């Protein structure tokens, strides 16, 4: 992974790189920034993949007991957030 150690700092650096690429810069610098941006993007993807593997879903059964199961994301999965307020 890159020198950044967490998702937030990696994403912040990626946003900075993208901002620099949006400016008028020499092609050599643009290529270097693009390369760095791709590395940071891959690092962010690794962070998110690891987080996804750690997410668990709590389910309450009809008898009131709670069970834990691993979260798996599929193309048919829809996430609905409920507010108990």
C-alpha atoms as a PDB file:
ATOM      1  CA  UNK A   1       0.000   0.000   0.000  1.00  0.00           C
ATOM      2  CA  UNK A   2       1.022   3.626  -0.273  1.00  0.00           C
ATOM      3  CA  UNK A   3       2.612   5.720   2.426  1.00  0.00           C
ATOM      4  CA  UNK A   4      -0.878   6.712   3.646  1.00  0.00           C
ATOM      5  CA  UNK A   5      -1.965   4.519   6.514  1.00  0.00           C
ATOM      6  CA  UNK A   6      -5.733   4.923   6.643  1.00  0.00           C
ATOM      7  CA  UNK A   7      -8.662   5.303   4.296  1.00  0.00           C
ATOM      8  CA  UNK A   8      -9.375   8.956   5.090  1.00  0.00           C
ATOM      9  CA  UNK A   9      -5.823  10.141   4.432  1.00  0.00           C
ATOM     10  CA  UNK A  10      -5.535   7.992   1.307  1.00  0.00           C
ATOM     11  CA  UNK A  11      -8.800   9.387  -0.059  1.00  0.00           C
ATOM     12  CA  UNK A  12      -7.749  12.949   0.812  1.00  0.00           C
ATOM     13  CA  UNK A  13      -4.481  12.491  -1.067  1.00  0.00           C
ATOM     14  CA  UNK A  14      -6.360  11.012  -4.040  1.00  0.00           C
ATOM     15  CA  UNK A  15      -8.676  14.038  -4.105  1.00  0.00           C
ATOM     16  CA  UNK A  16      -5.646  16.331  -4.036  1.00  0.00           C
ATOM     17  CA  UNK A  17      -4.065  14.455  -6.954  1.00  0.00           C
ATOM     18  CA  UNK A  18      -7.313  14.677  -8.956  1.00  0.00           C
ATOM     19  CA  UNK A  19      -7.447  18.413  -8.272  1.00  0.00           C
ATOM     20  CA  UNK A  20      -3.907  18.816  -9.565  1.00  0.00           C
ATOM     21  CA  UNK A  21      -4.747  16.798 -12.671  1.00  0.00           C
ATOM     22  CA  UNK A  22      -7.640  19.191 -13.380  1.00  0.00           C
ATOM     23  CA  UNK A  23      -5.175  22.082 -13.706  1.00  0.00           C
ATOM     24  CA  UNK A  24      -2.990  23.032 -16.631  1.00  0.00           C
ATOM     25  CA  UNK A  25       0.219  21.050 -15.987  1.00  0.00           C
ATOM     26  CA  UNK A  26       2.979  19.613 -18.161  1.00  0.00           C
ATOM     27  CA  UNK A  27       2.312  16.131 -19.536  1.00  0.00           C
ATOM     28  CA  UNK A  28       5.230  14.623 -17.609  1.00  0.00           C
ATOM     29  CA  UNK A  29       3.802  15.817 -14.299  1.00  0.00           C
ATOM     30  CA  UNK A  30       0.312  14.703 -15.352  1.00  0.00           C
ATOM     31  CA  UNK A  31       1.597  11.186 -16.029  1.00  0.00           C
ATOM     32  CA  UNK A  32       3.334  11.048 -12.662  1.00  0.00           C
ATOM     33  CA  UNK A  33       0.183  12.292 -10.902  1.00  0.00           C
ATOM     34  CA  UNK A  34      -1.997   9.852 -12.830  1.00  0.00           C
ATOM     35  CA  UNK A  35       0.240   6.982 -11.776  1.00  0.00           C
ATOM     36  CA  UNK A  36       0.054   8.111  -8.140  1.00  0.00           C
ATOM     37  CA  UNK A  37      -3.714   8.498  -8.411  1.00  0.00           C
ATOM     38  CA  UNK A  38      -4.091   4.946  -9.700  1.00  0.00           C
ATOM     39  CA  UNK A  39      -1.995   3.649  -6.801  1.00  0.00           C
ATOM     40  CA  UNK A  40      -4.118   5.598  -4.306  1.00  0.00           C
ATOM     41  CA  UNK A  41      -7.317   4.389  -5.955  1.00  0.00           C
ATOM     42  CA  UNK A  42      -6.144   0.790  -5.611  1.00  0.00           C
ATOM     43  CA  UNK A  43      -5.272   1.420  -1.957  1.00  0.00           C
ATOM     44  CA  UNK A  44      -8.761   2.837  -1.308  1.00  0.00           C
ATOM     45  CA  UNK A  45     -10.284  -0.212  -2.969  1.00  0.00           C
ATOM     46  CA  UNK A  46      -8.237  -2.472  -0.666  1.00  0.00           C
ATOM     47  CA  UNK A  47      -9.397  -0.534   2.410  1.00  0.00           C
ATOM     48  CA  UNK A  48     -13.037  -0.821   1.340  1.00  0.00           C
ATOM     49  CA  UNK A  49     -12.727  -4.501   0.496  1.00  0.00           C
ATOM     50  CA  UNK A  50     -11.242  -5.225   3.923  1.00  0.00           C
ATOM     51  CA  UNK A  51     -13.993  -3.214   5.619  1.00  0.00           C
ATOM     52  CA  UNK A  52     -16.678  -5.061   3.664  1.00  0.00           C
ATOM     53  CA  UNK A  53     -15.292  -8.377   4.867  1.00  0.00           C
ATOM     54  CA  UNK A  54     -15.545  -7.190   8.483  1.00  0.00           C
ATOM     55  CA  UNK A  55     -19.151  -6.015   8.338  1.00  0.00           C
ATOM     56  CA  UNK A  56     -21.639  -8.266  10.048  1.00  0.00           C
ATOM     57  CA  UNK A  57     -25.400  -8.214  10.101  1.00  0.00           C
ATOM     58  CA  UNK A  58     -27.354  -8.645  13.303  1.00  0.00           C
ATOM     59  CA  UNK A  59     -30.642 -10.459  12.837  1.00  0.00           C
ATOM     60  CA  UNK A  60     -33.413 -10.839  15.348  1.00  0.00           C
ATOM     61  CA  UNK A  61     -35.352 -14.075  15.155  1.00  0.00           C
ATOM     62  CA  UNK A  62     -39.061 -14.500  15.883  1.00  0.00           C
ATOM     63  CA  UNK A  63     -38.327 -15.638  19.441  1.00  0.00           C
ATOM     64  CA  UNK A  64     -36.366 -12.449  20.163  1.00  0.00           C
ATOM     65  CA  UNK A  65     -32.867 -13.908  20.090  1.00  0.00           C
ATOM     66  CA  UNK A  66     -30.170 -12.176  18.073  1.00  0.00           C
ATOM     67  CA  UNK A  67     -27.886 -13.915  15.596  1.00  0.00           C
ATOM     68  CA  UNK A  68     -24.868 -12.616  13.712  1.00  0.00           C
ATOM     69  CA  UNK A  69     -24.074 -13.457  10.111  1.00  0.00           C
ATOM     70  CA  UNK A  70     -21.458 -12.210   7.685  1.00  0.00           C
ATOM     71  CA  UNK A  71     -22.498  -9.474   5.288  1.00  0.00           C
ATOM     72  CA  UNK A  72     -22.220 -10.404   1.632  1.00  0.00           C
ATOM     73  CA  UNK A  73     -22.814  -7.870  -1.092  1.00  0.00           C
ATOM     74  CA  UNK A  74     -24.468  -8.987  -4.293  1.00  0.00           C
ATOM     75  CA  UNK A  75     -25.852  -7.077  -7.238  1.00  0.00           C
ATOM     76  CA  UNK A  76     -29.332  -7.692  -5.840  1.00  0.00           C
ATOM     77  CA  UNK A  77     -28.568  -6.358  -2.351  1.00  0.00           C
ATOM     78  CA  UNK A  78     -30.377  -3.189  -1.351  1.00  0.00           C
ATOM     79  CA  UNK A  79     -29.364  -1.433   1.834  1.00  0.00           C
ATOM     80  CA  UNK A  80     -32.180   0.260   3.729  1.00  0.00           C
ATOM     81  CA  UNK A  81     -31.389   2.401   6.736  1.00  0.00           C
ATOM     82  CA  UNK A  82     -34.149   2.765   9.287  1.00  0.00           C
ATOM     83  CA  UNK A  83     -34.430   5.498  11.864  1.00  0.00           C
ATOM     84  CA  UNK A  84     -36.050   4.393  15.127  1.00  0.00           C
ATOM     85  CA  UNK A  85     -36.861   7.997  16.135  1.00  0.00           C
END
